[in-house]
N, C-alpha and C. Protein backbone atom coordinates (compact mmCIF):
# COMPACT_ATOMS: atom_id res chain seq x y z
N UNK A 1 0.91 4.38 -87.24
CA UNK A 1 -0.20 3.50 -86.95
C UNK A 1 -1.48 4.30 -86.93
N UNK A 2 -2.29 4.09 -87.93
CA UNK A 2 -3.55 4.80 -87.96
C UNK A 2 -4.50 4.20 -86.93
N UNK A 3 -5.34 5.05 -86.33
CA UNK A 3 -6.31 4.57 -85.37
C UNK A 3 -5.80 4.54 -83.94
N UNK A 4 -4.51 4.77 -83.73
CA UNK A 4 -3.98 4.80 -82.37
C UNK A 4 -3.23 6.11 -82.19
N UNK A 5 -3.28 6.64 -80.98
CA UNK A 5 -2.61 7.90 -80.72
C UNK A 5 -1.12 7.67 -80.53
N UNK A 6 -0.34 8.75 -80.73
CA UNK A 6 1.10 8.65 -80.55
C UNK A 6 1.46 8.25 -79.12
N UNK A 7 0.68 8.75 -78.15
CA UNK A 7 0.94 8.40 -76.75
C UNK A 7 0.76 6.92 -76.49
N UNK A 8 -0.26 6.33 -77.12
CA UNK A 8 -0.51 4.90 -76.96
C UNK A 8 0.61 4.08 -77.59
N UNK A 9 1.05 4.51 -78.76
CA UNK A 9 2.14 3.81 -79.45
C UNK A 9 3.40 3.85 -78.59
N UNK A 10 3.70 5.00 -78.04
CA UNK A 10 4.89 5.12 -77.19
C UNK A 10 4.76 4.26 -75.94
N UNK A 11 3.56 4.18 -75.38
CA UNK A 11 3.35 3.34 -74.19
C UNK A 11 3.54 1.87 -74.53
N UNK A 12 3.05 1.45 -75.69
CA UNK A 12 3.24 0.06 -76.13
C UNK A 12 4.73 -0.23 -76.31
N UNK A 13 5.45 0.70 -76.91
CA UNK A 13 6.91 0.53 -77.09
C UNK A 13 7.61 0.42 -75.74
N UNK A 14 7.20 1.28 -74.79
CA UNK A 14 7.83 1.29 -73.47
C UNK A 14 7.59 -0.04 -72.74
N UNK A 15 6.35 -0.51 -72.77
CA UNK A 15 6.02 -1.77 -72.09
C UNK A 15 6.72 -2.94 -72.78
N UNK A 16 6.76 -2.92 -74.09
CA UNK A 16 7.44 -3.99 -74.83
C UNK A 16 8.92 -4.03 -74.47
N UNK A 17 9.53 -2.86 -74.33
CA UNK A 17 10.94 -2.81 -73.96
C UNK A 17 11.15 -3.35 -72.55
N UNK A 18 10.27 -2.96 -71.61
CA UNK A 18 10.39 -3.47 -70.25
C UNK A 18 10.23 -4.98 -70.19
N UNK A 19 9.34 -5.50 -71.04
CA UNK A 19 9.09 -6.95 -71.08
C UNK A 19 10.09 -7.67 -71.98
N UNK A 20 11.00 -6.91 -72.54
CA UNK A 20 12.03 -7.43 -73.45
C UNK A 20 11.39 -8.16 -74.63
N UNK A 21 10.35 -7.54 -75.20
CA UNK A 21 9.67 -8.08 -76.38
C UNK A 21 10.10 -7.31 -77.61
N UNK A 22 10.34 -8.01 -78.67
CA UNK A 22 10.64 -7.37 -79.94
C UNK A 22 9.38 -7.44 -80.79
N UNK A 23 8.76 -6.28 -81.04
CA UNK A 23 7.53 -6.23 -81.81
C UNK A 23 7.77 -5.51 -83.12
N UNK A 24 7.26 -6.08 -84.21
CA UNK A 24 7.36 -5.37 -85.49
C UNK A 24 6.17 -4.42 -85.61
N UNK A 25 6.13 -3.64 -86.67
CA UNK A 25 5.09 -2.63 -86.83
C UNK A 25 3.69 -3.24 -86.89
N UNK A 26 3.54 -4.40 -87.56
CA UNK A 26 2.22 -5.04 -87.62
C UNK A 26 1.75 -5.48 -86.24
N UNK A 27 2.66 -6.02 -85.45
CA UNK A 27 2.31 -6.44 -84.09
C UNK A 27 1.96 -5.23 -83.23
N UNK A 28 2.71 -4.15 -83.39
CA UNK A 28 2.41 -2.92 -82.65
C UNK A 28 1.02 -2.41 -83.02
N UNK A 29 0.70 -2.44 -84.31
CA UNK A 29 -0.60 -1.97 -84.79
C UNK A 29 -1.71 -2.85 -84.20
N UNK A 30 -1.51 -4.16 -84.22
CA UNK A 30 -2.51 -5.10 -83.70
C UNK A 30 -2.74 -4.87 -82.21
N UNK A 31 -1.67 -4.76 -81.44
CA UNK A 31 -1.79 -4.53 -80.00
C UNK A 31 -2.44 -3.18 -79.73
N UNK A 32 -2.05 -2.16 -80.49
CA UNK A 32 -2.64 -0.84 -80.33
C UNK A 32 -4.13 -0.85 -80.57
N UNK A 33 -4.57 -1.56 -81.61
CA UNK A 33 -5.99 -1.66 -81.92
C UNK A 33 -6.73 -2.39 -80.81
N UNK A 34 -6.16 -3.48 -80.33
CA UNK A 34 -6.79 -4.23 -79.24
C UNK A 34 -6.89 -3.38 -77.98
N UNK A 35 -5.83 -2.67 -77.66
CA UNK A 35 -5.82 -1.83 -76.47
C UNK A 35 -6.84 -0.71 -76.58
N UNK A 36 -6.94 -0.11 -77.76
CA UNK A 36 -7.93 0.95 -77.98
C UNK A 36 -9.34 0.40 -77.82
N UNK A 37 -9.59 -0.80 -78.33
CA UNK A 37 -10.91 -1.42 -78.18
C UNK A 37 -11.25 -1.66 -76.70
N UNK A 38 -10.26 -2.09 -75.93
CA UNK A 38 -10.47 -2.30 -74.50
C UNK A 38 -10.82 -0.99 -73.82
N UNK A 39 -10.07 0.06 -74.14
CA UNK A 39 -10.33 1.37 -73.54
C UNK A 39 -11.71 1.89 -73.93
N UNK A 40 -12.12 1.65 -75.19
CA UNK A 40 -13.46 2.06 -75.63
C UNK A 40 -14.54 1.33 -74.83
N UNK A 41 -14.34 0.04 -74.57
CA UNK A 41 -15.32 -0.73 -73.79
C UNK A 41 -15.37 -0.22 -72.35
N UNK A 42 -14.23 0.11 -71.78
CA UNK A 42 -14.21 0.67 -70.43
C UNK A 42 -14.93 2.01 -70.38
N UNK A 43 -14.78 2.81 -71.42
CA UNK A 43 -15.47 4.09 -71.49
C UNK A 43 -16.98 3.87 -71.50
N UNK A 44 -17.45 2.89 -72.27
CA UNK A 44 -18.88 2.58 -72.31
C UNK A 44 -19.38 2.16 -70.93
N UNK A 45 -18.60 1.36 -70.22
CA UNK A 45 -18.99 0.94 -68.88
C UNK A 45 -19.08 2.12 -67.93
N UNK A 46 -18.16 3.07 -68.07
CA UNK A 46 -18.16 4.22 -67.17
C UNK A 46 -19.35 5.14 -67.42
N UNK A 47 -19.99 5.01 -68.58
CA UNK A 47 -21.15 5.84 -68.90
C UNK A 47 -22.46 5.25 -68.38
N UNK A 48 -22.44 4.02 -67.88
CA UNK A 48 -23.65 3.38 -67.37
C UNK A 48 -24.13 4.05 -66.09
N UNK A 49 -25.45 4.14 -65.94
CA UNK A 49 -26.05 4.69 -64.73
C UNK A 49 -26.10 3.58 -63.68
N UNK A 50 -25.28 3.69 -62.67
CA UNK A 50 -25.21 2.66 -61.64
C UNK A 50 -25.65 3.17 -60.27
N UNK A 51 -26.36 4.31 -60.24
CA UNK A 51 -26.71 4.90 -58.95
C UNK A 51 -27.62 4.01 -58.11
N UNK A 52 -28.44 3.17 -58.75
CA UNK A 52 -29.36 2.30 -58.00
C UNK A 52 -28.80 0.89 -57.80
N UNK A 53 -27.55 0.69 -58.12
CA UNK A 53 -26.95 -0.63 -57.97
C UNK A 53 -26.07 -0.64 -56.73
N UNK A 54 -26.33 -1.60 -55.86
CA UNK A 54 -25.55 -1.73 -54.64
C UNK A 54 -24.16 -2.26 -54.99
N UNK A 55 -23.12 -1.48 -54.69
CA UNK A 55 -21.77 -1.94 -55.04
C UNK A 55 -21.34 -3.16 -54.23
N UNK A 56 -22.06 -3.44 -53.16
CA UNK A 56 -21.72 -4.58 -52.31
C UNK A 56 -22.78 -5.66 -52.43
N UNK A 57 -23.16 -5.99 -53.65
CA UNK A 57 -24.23 -6.95 -53.87
C UNK A 57 -23.85 -8.36 -53.44
N UNK A 58 -22.60 -8.60 -53.15
CA UNK A 58 -22.17 -9.91 -52.70
C UNK A 58 -22.31 -10.08 -51.19
N UNK A 59 -22.81 -9.03 -50.51
CA UNK A 59 -22.96 -9.08 -49.06
C UNK A 59 -23.85 -10.23 -48.61
N UNK A 60 -24.86 -10.55 -49.40
CA UNK A 60 -25.85 -11.54 -49.00
C UNK A 60 -25.38 -12.97 -49.19
N UNK A 61 -24.24 -13.15 -49.79
CA UNK A 61 -23.73 -14.50 -50.01
C UNK A 61 -23.24 -15.10 -48.71
N UNK A 62 -23.33 -16.42 -48.64
CA UNK A 62 -22.80 -17.14 -47.48
C UNK A 62 -21.29 -16.96 -47.43
N UNK A 63 -20.74 -16.70 -46.26
CA UNK A 63 -19.28 -16.58 -46.19
C UNK A 63 -18.62 -17.94 -46.40
N UNK A 64 -17.46 -17.90 -46.95
CA UNK A 64 -16.70 -19.13 -47.15
C UNK A 64 -16.22 -19.62 -45.78
N UNK A 65 -16.31 -20.92 -45.54
CA UNK A 65 -15.87 -21.42 -44.22
C UNK A 65 -14.35 -21.31 -44.08
N UNK A 66 -13.92 -20.98 -42.88
CA UNK A 66 -12.50 -20.93 -42.59
C UNK A 66 -11.98 -22.35 -42.45
N UNK A 67 -10.77 -22.54 -42.81
CA UNK A 67 -10.16 -23.84 -42.60
C UNK A 67 -8.83 -23.62 -41.88
N UNK A 68 -8.45 -24.62 -41.16
CA UNK A 68 -7.21 -24.53 -40.41
C UNK A 68 -6.04 -24.55 -41.39
N UNK A 69 -5.09 -23.66 -41.16
CA UNK A 69 -3.89 -23.60 -41.99
C UNK A 69 -2.90 -24.63 -41.46
N UNK A 70 -2.69 -25.67 -42.23
CA UNK A 70 -1.82 -26.74 -41.78
C UNK A 70 -0.64 -26.91 -42.72
N UNK A 71 0.52 -27.13 -42.14
CA UNK A 71 1.72 -27.40 -42.93
C UNK A 71 1.65 -28.84 -43.41
N UNK A 72 1.85 -29.03 -44.70
CA UNK A 72 1.82 -30.36 -45.28
C UNK A 72 3.18 -30.64 -45.91
N UNK A 73 3.75 -31.76 -45.57
CA UNK A 73 5.05 -32.12 -46.15
C UNK A 73 4.87 -32.37 -47.65
N UNK A 74 5.78 -31.82 -48.42
CA UNK A 74 5.72 -31.99 -49.87
C UNK A 74 7.13 -32.24 -50.36
N UNK A 75 7.36 -33.40 -50.91
CA UNK A 75 8.73 -33.74 -51.30
C UNK A 75 8.77 -34.29 -52.72
N UNK A 76 8.12 -33.59 -53.62
CA UNK A 76 8.10 -34.04 -55.01
C UNK A 76 8.99 -33.15 -55.88
N UNK A 77 10.01 -32.57 -55.28
CA UNK A 77 10.89 -31.66 -56.00
C UNK A 77 11.55 -32.34 -57.21
N UNK A 78 12.02 -33.56 -57.01
CA UNK A 78 12.68 -34.28 -58.11
C UNK A 78 11.72 -34.49 -59.27
N UNK A 79 10.48 -34.81 -58.94
CA UNK A 79 9.48 -35.02 -59.98
C UNK A 79 9.23 -33.74 -60.78
N UNK A 80 9.14 -32.62 -60.07
CA UNK A 80 8.91 -31.34 -60.74
C UNK A 80 10.13 -30.96 -61.57
N UNK A 81 11.31 -31.08 -61.01
CA UNK A 81 12.53 -30.73 -61.75
C UNK A 81 12.73 -31.61 -62.97
N UNK A 82 12.24 -32.84 -62.91
CA UNK A 82 12.40 -33.73 -64.07
C UNK A 82 11.59 -33.25 -65.27
N UNK A 83 10.61 -32.39 -65.02
CA UNK A 83 9.80 -31.85 -66.11
C UNK A 83 10.46 -30.63 -66.77
N UNK A 84 11.46 -30.06 -66.12
CA UNK A 84 12.13 -28.87 -66.65
C UNK A 84 13.08 -29.25 -67.77
N UNK A 85 13.19 -28.39 -68.79
CA UNK A 85 14.15 -28.67 -69.86
C UNK A 85 15.58 -28.76 -69.34
N UNK A 86 15.92 -27.88 -68.37
CA UNK A 86 17.27 -27.87 -67.82
C UNK A 86 17.17 -27.56 -66.32
N UNK A 87 17.87 -28.32 -65.51
CA UNK A 87 17.97 -28.02 -64.09
C UNK A 87 19.42 -28.25 -63.66
N UNK A 88 19.77 -27.60 -62.54
CA UNK A 88 21.15 -27.72 -62.06
C UNK A 88 21.15 -27.58 -60.54
N UNK A 89 21.73 -28.52 -59.86
CA UNK A 89 21.88 -28.50 -58.40
C UNK A 89 20.54 -28.27 -57.69
N UNK A 90 19.48 -28.89 -58.20
CA UNK A 90 18.18 -28.79 -57.55
C UNK A 90 17.39 -27.54 -57.88
N UNK A 91 17.79 -26.78 -58.88
CA UNK A 91 17.09 -25.56 -59.27
C UNK A 91 16.78 -25.60 -60.76
N UNK A 92 15.75 -24.85 -61.16
CA UNK A 92 15.47 -24.68 -62.58
C UNK A 92 16.57 -23.80 -63.16
N UNK A 93 17.06 -24.14 -64.33
CA UNK A 93 18.05 -23.30 -65.00
C UNK A 93 17.36 -22.66 -66.20
N UNK A 94 17.38 -21.34 -66.23
CA UNK A 94 16.70 -20.60 -67.30
C UNK A 94 17.69 -19.69 -68.01
N UNK A 95 17.39 -19.29 -69.23
CA UNK A 95 18.30 -18.38 -69.94
C UNK A 95 18.39 -17.03 -69.23
N UNK A 96 19.57 -16.44 -69.31
CA UNK A 96 19.76 -15.11 -68.74
C UNK A 96 18.92 -14.11 -69.53
N UNK A 97 18.18 -13.25 -68.80
CA UNK A 97 17.39 -12.23 -69.48
C UNK A 97 17.84 -10.83 -69.11
N UNK A 98 18.68 -10.71 -68.09
CA UNK A 98 19.18 -9.42 -67.66
C UNK A 98 20.56 -9.23 -68.27
N UNK A 99 20.71 -8.13 -68.98
CA UNK A 99 22.00 -7.85 -69.60
C UNK A 99 22.91 -7.14 -68.61
N UNK A 100 24.20 -7.31 -68.78
CA UNK A 100 25.14 -6.61 -67.94
C UNK A 100 26.27 -7.52 -67.52
N UNK A 101 27.21 -6.95 -66.78
CA UNK A 101 28.36 -7.71 -66.29
C UNK A 101 28.04 -8.26 -64.91
N UNK A 102 27.64 -9.51 -64.87
CA UNK A 102 27.33 -10.17 -63.61
C UNK A 102 28.18 -11.42 -63.52
N UNK A 103 28.63 -11.71 -62.31
CA UNK A 103 29.43 -12.92 -62.11
C UNK A 103 28.55 -14.15 -62.26
N UNK A 104 29.06 -15.14 -62.96
CA UNK A 104 28.37 -16.42 -63.07
C UNK A 104 28.61 -17.21 -61.80
N UNK A 105 27.62 -17.93 -61.34
CA UNK A 105 27.79 -18.79 -60.17
C UNK A 105 27.68 -20.21 -60.59
């Protein structure tokens, strides 16, 4: 992948593996380019002179009012589950993503 360092490519591969994503070389190149652009923009931001900028410029804003934390009954579980492609015994049923020998329940 031209334009991206070997370390960045390896990091993309590592994260893709952790996320269980299968990326082809074009996708890796595209993600690498986007990531490099983000890092370049962050570098530009770090070069800005911010010595005269108050890091706590939000101090002058009105504080948000506190509200009482109240328990509210919510019983729309059936409605929510009806939107799921598959549910079982009151739970969402999703495809297994963890490989290995695990007992089915």
